[in-house]
Protein backbone atom coordinates (compact mmCIF):
# COMPACT_ATOMS: atom_id res chain seq x y z
CA MET A 1 14.16 21.33 -18.03
CA SER A 2 12.93 24.52 -19.49
CA ASP A 3 13.00 22.89 -22.53
CA LYS A 4 10.73 20.00 -22.00
CA THR A 5 8.11 22.66 -20.12
CA VAL A 6 5.53 22.44 -22.73
CA PRO A 7 1.43 23.20 -22.00
CA VAL A 8 -0.68 20.98 -21.24
CA SER A 9 -2.58 21.24 -23.62
CA GLU A 10 0.38 20.31 -25.80
CA ALA A 11 1.69 17.92 -24.31
CA VAL A 12 -1.87 15.88 -23.80
CA LYS A 13 -2.24 15.40 -27.56
CA HIS A 14 0.60 12.79 -27.25
CA VAL A 15 -2.49 10.27 -25.90
CA LYS A 16 -4.14 8.34 -28.32
CA SER A 17 -6.81 6.45 -28.83
CA HIS A 18 -6.56 2.74 -27.65
CA ASP A 19 -3.39 4.08 -25.79
CA HIS A 20 -2.88 2.62 -21.85
CA LEU A 21 -2.59 5.40 -19.46
CA VAL A 22 -1.06 4.91 -16.17
CA LEU A 23 -1.98 7.70 -13.67
CA ALA A 24 0.23 8.33 -10.57
CA GLY A 25 -1.50 6.18 -7.41
CA MET A 26 -3.37 6.76 -4.43
CA CYS A 27 -3.52 11.08 -3.75
CA GLY A 28 -1.06 11.46 -6.23
CA GLU A 29 -3.21 11.25 -9.06
CA PRO A 30 -2.19 14.78 -11.34
CA PRO A 31 -5.87 17.06 -11.19
CA THR A 32 -4.43 19.88 -13.99
CA LEU A 33 -3.48 16.87 -16.87
CA ILE A 34 -6.27 14.84 -15.76
CA GLN A 35 -8.38 18.17 -16.29
CA ALA A 36 -7.23 18.81 -20.11
CA LEU A 37 -7.15 15.39 -20.87
CA ILE A 38 -11.37 15.11 -20.12
CA GLN A 39 -11.74 18.43 -22.40
CA GLN A 40 -9.82 16.96 -25.03
CA ARG A 41 -12.31 13.69 -25.03
CA GLU A 42 -14.48 13.85 -28.32
CA ARG A 43 -11.19 13.59 -29.94
CA LEU A 44 -10.10 9.97 -27.80
CA GLU A 45 -11.03 6.44 -28.46
CA ASN A 46 -10.72 3.45 -25.88
CA VAL A 47 -8.35 5.11 -24.20
CA THR A 48 -7.63 2.63 -21.05
CA ILE A 49 -7.09 4.69 -17.81
CA TYR A 50 -5.66 2.06 -14.89
CA ASN A 51 -5.83 4.43 -12.18
CA MET A 52 -4.92 3.79 -7.63
CA PRO A 53 -7.20 6.11 -6.29
CA LEU A 54 -7.48 7.25 -3.12
CA GLY A 55 -8.87 10.97 -2.14
CA THR A 56 -9.36 11.72 -5.93
CA PRO A 57 -12.79 12.58 -8.30
CA CYS A 58 -11.59 10.15 -10.69
CA GLU A 59 -14.58 12.72 -13.03
CA TYR A 60 -13.17 10.91 -15.94
CA ALA A 61 -14.75 7.83 -14.85
CA ASN A 62 -18.27 9.63 -16.04
CA PRO A 63 -20.06 6.67 -17.62
CA GLU A 64 -21.23 8.88 -20.37
CA TRP A 65 -17.87 9.27 -21.80
CA ASP A 66 -17.03 5.11 -21.52
CA ARG A 67 -16.88 5.71 -25.76
CA HIS A 68 -13.81 8.32 -24.46
CA PHE A 69 -12.44 6.08 -21.50
CA LYS A 70 -12.52 2.61 -20.20
CA VAL A 71 -11.27 2.75 -16.13
CA LYS A 72 -8.31 -0.56 -14.86
CA SER A 73 -8.69 0.47 -10.98
CA PHE A 74 -6.39 -1.60 -8.35
CA LEU A 75 -8.52 0.29 -5.59
CA LEU A 76 -12.20 0.48 -6.41
CA SER A 77 -13.96 3.64 -4.09
CA GLY A 78 -17.29 4.94 -4.30
CA VAL A 79 -16.41 7.32 -6.75
CA LEU A 80 -16.30 4.98 -9.12
CA LYS A 81 -20.01 3.09 -8.74
CA ASP A 82 -21.88 4.63 -10.79
CA SER A 83 -18.98 3.27 -13.85
CA TYR A 84 -18.46 0.03 -12.15
CA LYS A 85 -22.26 -0.49 -12.44
CA SER A 86 -22.36 0.88 -15.87
CA GLY A 87 -19.42 -1.59 -17.37
CA MET A 88 -16.86 1.68 -18.30
CA THR A 89 -15.01 0.52 -14.66
CA ASP A 90 -13.49 -2.65 -14.39
CA TYR A 91 -11.09 -4.24 -11.22
CA LEU A 92 -7.63 -5.28 -11.80
CA PRO A 93 -6.67 -7.39 -8.47
CA VAL A 94 -3.43 -7.17 -8.15
CA ASN A 95 -1.09 -7.12 -4.98
CA LEU A 96 0.26 -3.80 -3.78
CA SER A 97 3.93 -5.97 -3.90
CA ASP A 98 3.33 -6.87 -7.20
CA ILE A 99 1.56 -3.68 -9.03
CA PRO A 100 5.26 -2.28 -10.26
CA GLY A 101 6.13 -5.30 -11.60
CA TYR A 102 2.67 -4.90 -13.39
CA MET A 103 4.34 -2.17 -15.17
CA GLU A 104 7.27 -3.62 -16.35
CA GLN A 105 4.54 -6.01 -18.01
CA LEU A 106 2.43 -3.96 -19.41
CA ARG A 107 4.81 -0.55 -20.32
CA PRO A 108 1.54 1.58 -21.39
CA ASN A 109 2.01 4.06 -23.81
CA VAL A 110 1.56 7.25 -21.47
CA ALA A 111 2.08 8.15 -18.25
CA PHE A 112 0.52 11.09 -15.90
CA ILE A 113 2.40 11.95 -12.77
CA GLN A 114 2.96 15.02 -9.65
CA CYS A 115 6.03 15.89 -8.97
CA THR A 116 8.12 19.09 -6.82
CA PRO A 117 9.64 21.56 -8.85
CA PRO A 118 13.12 20.29 -9.20
CA ASP A 119 16.12 21.13 -6.73
CA ASN A 120 19.15 22.46 -7.04
CA GLU A 121 20.74 19.65 -8.52
CA GLY A 122 17.99 19.06 -10.80
CA ASN A 123 16.25 16.32 -8.86
CA LEU A 124 12.81 15.95 -8.59
CA ASN A 125 10.00 14.50 -5.42
CA LEU A 126 7.50 12.05 -6.72
CA GLY A 127 5.48 14.14 -2.68
CA LEU A 128 2.55 12.32 -1.92
CA SER A 129 2.90 8.40 -3.86
CA ALA A 130 5.76 6.08 -4.45
CA ASP A 131 4.19 3.53 -4.67
CA TYR A 132 4.66 2.04 -8.47
CA THR A 133 5.85 5.29 -9.80
CA LEU A 134 8.89 4.56 -10.00
CA SER A 135 8.38 1.56 -11.95
CA LEU A 136 5.74 3.29 -14.35
CA ILE A 137 8.60 6.06 -14.91
CA LYS A 138 11.18 3.05 -15.82
CA HIS A 139 8.69 1.15 -18.46
CA ALA A 140 5.88 4.05 -20.08
CA GLN A 141 6.68 5.20 -23.33
CA LEU A 142 6.32 8.07 -22.38
CA VAL A 143 5.74 10.00 -19.14
CA ILE A 144 4.70 13.14 -18.27
CA ALA A 145 5.02 15.37 -15.25
CA GLU A 146 2.60 17.66 -13.40
CA ILE A 147 5.22 20.46 -11.76
CA ASN A 148 2.92 21.63 -8.39
CA ASP A 149 4.69 23.28 -6.17
CA GLN A 150 1.85 23.07 -3.48
CA LEU A 151 3.51 18.89 -2.90
CA PRO A 152 5.53 18.43 -0.36
CA TRP A 153 9.07 17.07 -0.85
CA VAL A 154 9.29 13.27 0.86
CA SER A 155 12.68 11.85 2.12
CA GLY A 156 12.81 8.00 0.66
CA THR A 157 13.81 6.97 -3.25
CA GLY A 158 11.48 8.85 -4.41
CA ILE A 159 13.39 11.12 -6.01
CA ILE A 160 14.26 11.24 -9.62
CA PRO A 161 16.59 13.32 -12.05
CA SER A 162 15.05 15.52 -13.79
CA SER A 163 16.10 14.18 -17.13
CA ASP A 164 13.65 10.16 -16.55
CA ILE A 165 10.74 13.27 -17.40
CA ASP A 166 9.66 13.56 -20.92
CA LEU A 167 7.22 16.26 -21.35
CA PHE A 168 6.98 18.65 -17.15
CA VAL A 169 3.45 20.94 -17.54
CA GLU A 170 2.82 23.65 -14.71
CA GLY A 171 0.15 22.96 -11.75
CA SER A 172 -0.47 24.14 -9.06
CA LEU A 173 -3.24 22.59 -7.31
CA SER A 174 -3.68 21.56 -3.76
CA PRO A 175 -2.75 18.32 -3.52
CA ASN A 176 -5.87 15.54 -3.05
CA GLU A 177 -6.80 15.43 0.62
CA LEU A 178 -8.62 12.81 2.77
CA PRO A 179 -9.89 14.26 6.09
CA SER A 180 -9.59 11.70 9.06
CA ALA A 181 -12.76 10.02 9.82
CA THR A 182 -14.21 9.94 13.73
CA PRO A 183 -13.84 7.05 15.81
CA GLY A 184 -17.82 6.05 17.60
CA GLU A 185 -17.33 3.87 21.06
CA THR A 186 -17.22 0.24 18.72
CA GLU A 187 -13.90 1.50 17.41
CA ASN A 188 -12.83 2.43 20.08
CA LYS A 189 -13.85 -0.38 22.23
CA ILE A 190 -12.10 -2.30 19.70
CA ALA A 191 -9.16 -0.76 19.68
CA GLN A 192 -8.59 -1.39 23.29
CA TYR A 193 -8.11 -5.10 22.12
CA VAL A 194 -5.94 -4.58 19.53
CA ALA A 195 -3.62 -2.54 22.12
CA GLU A 196 -2.91 -5.50 24.54
CA LEU A 197 -1.71 -7.31 20.99
CA VAL A 198 0.85 -5.09 19.96
CA PRO A 199 3.80 -4.93 23.17
CA ASP A 200 6.44 -1.80 23.23
CA ARG A 201 8.91 -2.56 21.05
CA SER A 202 7.17 -3.37 18.38
CA THR A 203 6.58 -2.33 14.77
CA ILE A 204 3.25 -1.71 13.39
CA GLN A 205 1.31 -1.13 10.42
CA ILE A 206 -1.76 0.40 9.97
CA GLY A 207 -3.85 1.97 7.70
CA ILE A 208 -6.59 4.66 7.41
CA GLY A 209 -10.23 5.55 8.79
CA SER A 210 -12.28 5.73 11.71
CA LEU A 211 -10.81 2.64 13.13
CA ALA A 212 -7.30 2.60 12.26
CA ASN A 213 -7.39 6.38 13.98
CA SER A 214 -8.86 5.08 17.15
CA ILE A 215 -6.24 2.26 17.26
CA ILE A 216 -2.97 4.83 16.90
CA SER A 217 -4.53 6.25 19.50
CA ALA A 218 -5.10 3.75 22.09
CA LEU A 219 -1.48 2.90 21.28
CA LYS A 220 -0.56 5.97 23.21
CA ASN A 221 0.60 4.40 26.60
CA LYS A 222 3.02 2.47 24.64
CA SER A 223 6.53 2.96 24.10
CA ALA A 224 9.35 2.79 21.04
CA LEU A 225 7.17 1.86 18.33
CA GLY A 226 8.42 1.71 14.94
CA VAL A 227 5.85 1.95 12.24
CA HIS A 228 6.41 0.60 8.48
CA THR A 229 3.35 1.01 6.55
CA GLY A 230 1.76 1.25 3.87
CA THR A 231 -0.32 4.55 3.49
CA PHE A 232 0.54 7.14 5.93
CA PRO A 233 -2.33 7.68 8.20
CA GLU A 234 -2.47 11.70 9.78
CA ALA A 235 -3.16 10.10 13.27
CA LEU A 236 0.30 8.61 13.21
CA ILE A 237 1.59 12.47 13.77
CA ASP A 238 0.37 12.11 17.75
CA LEU A 239 2.52 9.07 18.91
CA TYR A 240 5.23 10.43 16.99
CA GLU A 241 5.60 13.80 18.23
CA ASN A 242 4.96 12.29 21.65
CA GLY A 243 7.50 10.36 21.45
CA VAL A 244 5.53 6.76 21.30
CA VAL A 245 7.06 6.02 17.73
CA THR A 246 10.80 6.17 18.10
CA ASN A 247 11.57 3.27 15.23
CA GLU A 248 15.04 2.59 17.15
CA HIS A 249 14.64 -0.67 17.11
CA LYS A 250 13.51 -1.93 13.97
CA GLU A 251 16.35 -3.45 12.36
CA ILE A 252 16.47 -2.03 8.71
CA ASN A 253 15.46 1.61 7.90
CA GLN A 254 16.05 2.48 12.01
CA GLY A 255 15.15 5.61 13.17
CA LYS A 256 12.70 5.72 10.48
CA ILE A 257 8.98 5.78 9.77
CA VAL A 258 8.49 3.80 6.56
CA ALA A 259 5.87 4.18 4.27
CA THR A 260 4.88 4.08 0.29
CA CYS A 261 2.41 6.86 0.31
CA LEU A 262 0.66 9.87 2.37
CA ALA A 263 -3.25 10.16 2.72
CA GLY A 264 -4.69 13.01 5.31
CA THR A 265 -5.12 16.67 5.13
CA GLN A 266 -2.63 19.62 4.23
CA LYS A 267 -1.19 19.18 8.45
CA LEU A 268 0.66 15.52 6.83
CA TYR A 269 2.10 17.07 3.93
CA ASN A 270 3.59 19.83 6.28
CA TYR A 271 4.53 18.08 8.26
CA ALA A 272 6.62 15.28 6.06
CA ASN A 273 7.88 18.03 4.01
CA ARG A 274 11.46 18.05 4.54
CA HIS A 275 10.89 15.74 7.13
CA SER A 276 14.46 13.42 8.13
CA ASN A 277 12.36 10.72 9.92
CA ILE A 278 9.80 9.94 7.43
CA GLU A 279 10.32 8.21 4.33
CA LEU A 280 8.41 6.76 0.80
CA HIS A 281 9.54 3.87 -0.76
CA PRO A 282 8.20 1.89 -3.61
CA SER A 283 5.61 -0.67 -2.42
CA ASP A 284 7.43 -4.12 -3.89
CA TYR A 285 10.41 -2.78 -1.21
CA THR A 286 7.17 -1.51 1.07
CA HIS A 287 4.81 -4.22 0.96
CA SER A 288 7.59 -7.75 0.06
CA THR A 289 7.75 -10.53 2.22
CA ALA A 290 11.50 -9.81 2.46
CA THR A 291 11.36 -6.54 3.49
CA ILE A 292 8.96 -7.17 6.43
CA SER A 293 10.99 -10.37 7.16
CA GLN A 294 13.83 -8.74 8.60
CA ILE A 295 11.46 -6.25 10.84
CA SER A 296 10.89 -8.32 14.41
CA GLN A 297 7.75 -7.89 16.25
CA PHE A 298 6.05 -6.97 13.15
CA HIS A 299 2.36 -6.46 13.65
CA ALA A 300 -0.04 -5.73 11.16
CA ILE A 301 -3.10 -4.39 11.79
CA ASN A 302 -5.81 -4.68 9.31
CA SER A 303 -9.76 -4.83 8.99
CA ALA A 304 -12.15 -5.90 6.85
CA VAL A 305 -15.91 -6.39 5.85
CA GLN A 306 -16.40 -10.12 6.88
CA ILE A 307 -15.02 -12.99 7.57
CA ASP A 308 -16.17 -16.19 7.29
CA LEU A 309 -16.48 -19.09 10.55
CA THR A 310 -13.31 -20.64 9.14
CA GLY A 311 -11.12 -17.20 9.42
CA GLN A 312 -11.14 -15.95 5.35
CA ILE A 313 -11.26 -12.29 4.91
CA ASN A 314 -13.07 -10.36 2.38
CA ALA A 315 -12.20 -6.78 2.73
CA GLU A 316 -13.30 -5.87 0.03
CA LYS A 317 -16.28 -6.54 -1.70
CA ILE A 318 -20.69 -5.55 -0.45
CA LYS A 319 -23.06 -7.31 -2.09
CA ASP A 320 -21.87 -7.18 -6.15
CA PHE A 321 -19.54 -3.65 -5.88
CA TYR A 322 -16.00 -4.33 -4.94
CA ILE A 323 -15.30 -1.02 -2.35
CA ALA A 324 -11.76 -1.24 -2.32
CA GLY A 325 -9.14 -3.45 -3.20
CA VAL A 326 -7.21 -6.34 -2.46
CA GLY A 327 -4.63 -3.76 -1.77
CA GLY A 328 -1.22 -4.60 1.13
CA GLN A 329 -3.60 -6.18 3.33
CA MET A 330 -2.04 -9.83 2.16
CA ASP A 331 0.79 -8.61 1.29
CA PHE A 332 1.53 -7.51 5.46
CA MET A 333 0.12 -10.31 6.59
CA ARG A 334 1.87 -13.06 4.39
CA GLY A 335 5.26 -10.66 6.13
CA ALA A 336 4.12 -10.59 9.62
CA MET A 337 3.98 -14.54 9.21
CA ALA A 338 7.29 -14.47 8.77
CA SER A 339 8.22 -11.70 10.81
CA LYS A 340 10.21 -13.24 14.56
CA GLY A 341 7.77 -12.17 17.48
CA GLY A 342 5.14 -11.42 14.51
CA LYS A 343 1.46 -10.76 14.66
CA SER A 344 -1.17 -10.79 11.73
CA ILE A 345 -4.69 -8.72 13.39
CA ILE A 346 -7.96 -8.38 11.82
CA ALA A 347 -10.27 -6.15 12.99
CA LEU A 348 -13.84 -5.03 12.44
CA PRO A 349 -16.72 -4.13 14.50
CA SER A 350 -19.16 -6.69 15.07
CA THR A 351 -22.12 -5.88 12.46
CA ALA A 352 -22.91 -3.29 9.97
CA ALA A 353 -25.58 -1.86 8.71
CA LYS A 354 -26.69 -0.66 11.72
CA GLY A 355 -26.62 -3.57 13.50
CA THR A 356 -28.87 -5.84 11.46
CA LYS A 357 -26.03 -7.96 9.38
CA SER A 358 -23.06 -9.85 11.53
CA ARG A 359 -19.97 -9.14 9.67
CA ILE A 360 -18.85 -12.96 10.50
CA VAL A 361 -20.65 -15.08 8.28
CA PRO A 362 -21.06 -19.03 7.67
CA GLU A 363 -19.73 -18.24 3.84
CA LEU A 364 -17.85 -14.68 1.82
CA SER A 365 -18.69 -12.82 -1.36
CA SER A 366 -14.97 -12.30 -2.09
CA VAL A 367 -12.14 -13.63 -0.15
CA THR A 368 -9.10 -10.87 -0.04
CA SER A 369 -7.02 -12.63 2.53
CA THR A 370 -6.72 -16.87 3.49
CA LYS A 371 -8.15 -17.97 6.67
CA SER A 372 -4.26 -20.38 7.35
CA ASP A 373 -3.05 -16.05 7.41
CA VAL A 374 -4.80 -15.35 10.33
CA HIS A 375 -3.15 -15.23 14.33
CA TYR A 376 -5.79 -12.58 15.24
CA VAL A 377 -9.59 -11.24 15.07
CA VAL A 378 -11.02 -8.51 17.08
CA THR A 379 -14.39 -7.04 17.60
CA GLU A 380 -15.77 -5.15 20.19
CA TYR A 381 -16.45 -7.81 21.36
CA GLY A 382 -13.01 -9.61 22.75
CA ILE A 383 -10.19 -11.39 20.56
CA ALA A 384 -10.05 -14.40 19.16
CA SER A 385 -7.03 -16.41 18.56
CA LEU A 386 -6.81 -18.00 15.45
CA TYR A 387 -3.66 -19.71 14.71
CA GLY A 388 -2.75 -23.06 14.48
CA LYS A 389 -6.69 -24.35 15.39
CA THR A 390 -9.05 -26.19 13.57
CA ILE A 391 -11.60 -24.96 11.84
CA GLU A 392 -14.02 -26.47 14.78
CA GLU A 393 -11.97 -24.14 16.65
CA ARG A 394 -11.84 -21.33 14.98
CA LYS A 395 -15.49 -21.47 14.70
CA GLU A 396 -16.09 -21.11 18.28
CA GLU A 397 -13.18 -18.51 18.90
CA LEU A 398 -14.47 -16.27 16.08
CA ILE A 399 -18.25 -16.99 17.52
CA ASN A 400 -17.96 -16.21 20.83
CA ILE A 401 -16.67 -12.42 19.35
CA SER A 402 -19.48 -11.56 17.22
CA HIS A 403 -22.79 -10.34 18.33
CA PRO A 404 -24.84 -11.49 21.28
CA ASP A 405 -27.77 -11.01 18.55
CA PHE A 406 -26.69 -13.61 15.51
CA ARG A 407 -24.52 -16.19 17.70
CA GLU A 408 -27.31 -18.32 18.33
CA GLU A 409 -27.77 -18.37 13.50
CA LEU A 410 -24.40 -18.65 13.61
CA THR A 411 -23.92 -21.94 15.60
CA HIS A 412 -26.80 -23.76 14.16
CA THR A 413 -24.77 -23.33 10.48
CA ILE A 414 -22.36 -25.12 11.77
């Protein structure tokens, strides 16, 4: 490995104008490489950067640098809002299960990834995120890895030989963190309803954020749950430590918590480090319907920005700005439909904008997931059962769990 280790400034010189550069996803963006790229921006024109950021600053997405960089993002967030509005950043909607395959199609010029120092056998670990990185390593023309001794070594398939990497640079910056959000009264009410839908011995998929944290807390009296998810949230640690999550009834990866990335603080990263029962796998495995269908009683628990009166889901757009991405929602919802005894659950507050706007609406600005893939919708006002219901029956179910201030208005739209 030492003969392939170079100063970061030298490594970044391999990025040329008009290149397609893909960054490791989620919290795994390599900060030392990115800072060096920004410092060399004046020599570059129209480098297209592909990203999927979570808890990362995306400093390269500065609208003043749009001559140097263009950004195509699988997952938009607030840090990309200005560059999106300026036209520097564009949204690339691809299901997480498909992104590894997209890397094969793209065959980018350069990949920037982040990994741990090698073990005694010369193997590296991808640390925080497996998602599409293995496919990226395989299909990029040049792979540059930032070796970061601050990363956790996480079990699973994110272990690669040093020979797979073309160049190494040294870094020792703290990993990107995503602090836990604190739920409020509304989230706690929703969580109690969601918990009613989750039986003992089932396997759950859940995301991140205050509502997800509240739902996880509401499952504390369940027993023998399994976890097969996309993003591993920090709140799951308590369920595992208290014996609620055992993974003993999963038909595959038995005994293991399975995810494709970690998203939390150093507490989570320390906990996952060398943990024998936490595994990260690529998203074409974790999010595949073929994988999920092997797990009975798989419960996909996701959220949304809005839902219309037919049951269509908008999980990515507010007005004219995409606040997220398609991510893995459709993957997991379809997987739940294919699972014996599985359920697809959408949980959301009934209103937004401090109660002035209903999240249950006649029509959507964007459709993320289809109406045929939703079993249940949950708000703080109860549970709407949509599976096997007609359009008119769905409207009635959804109006019944909307905020009372908007029920008459929604009824008149029928």
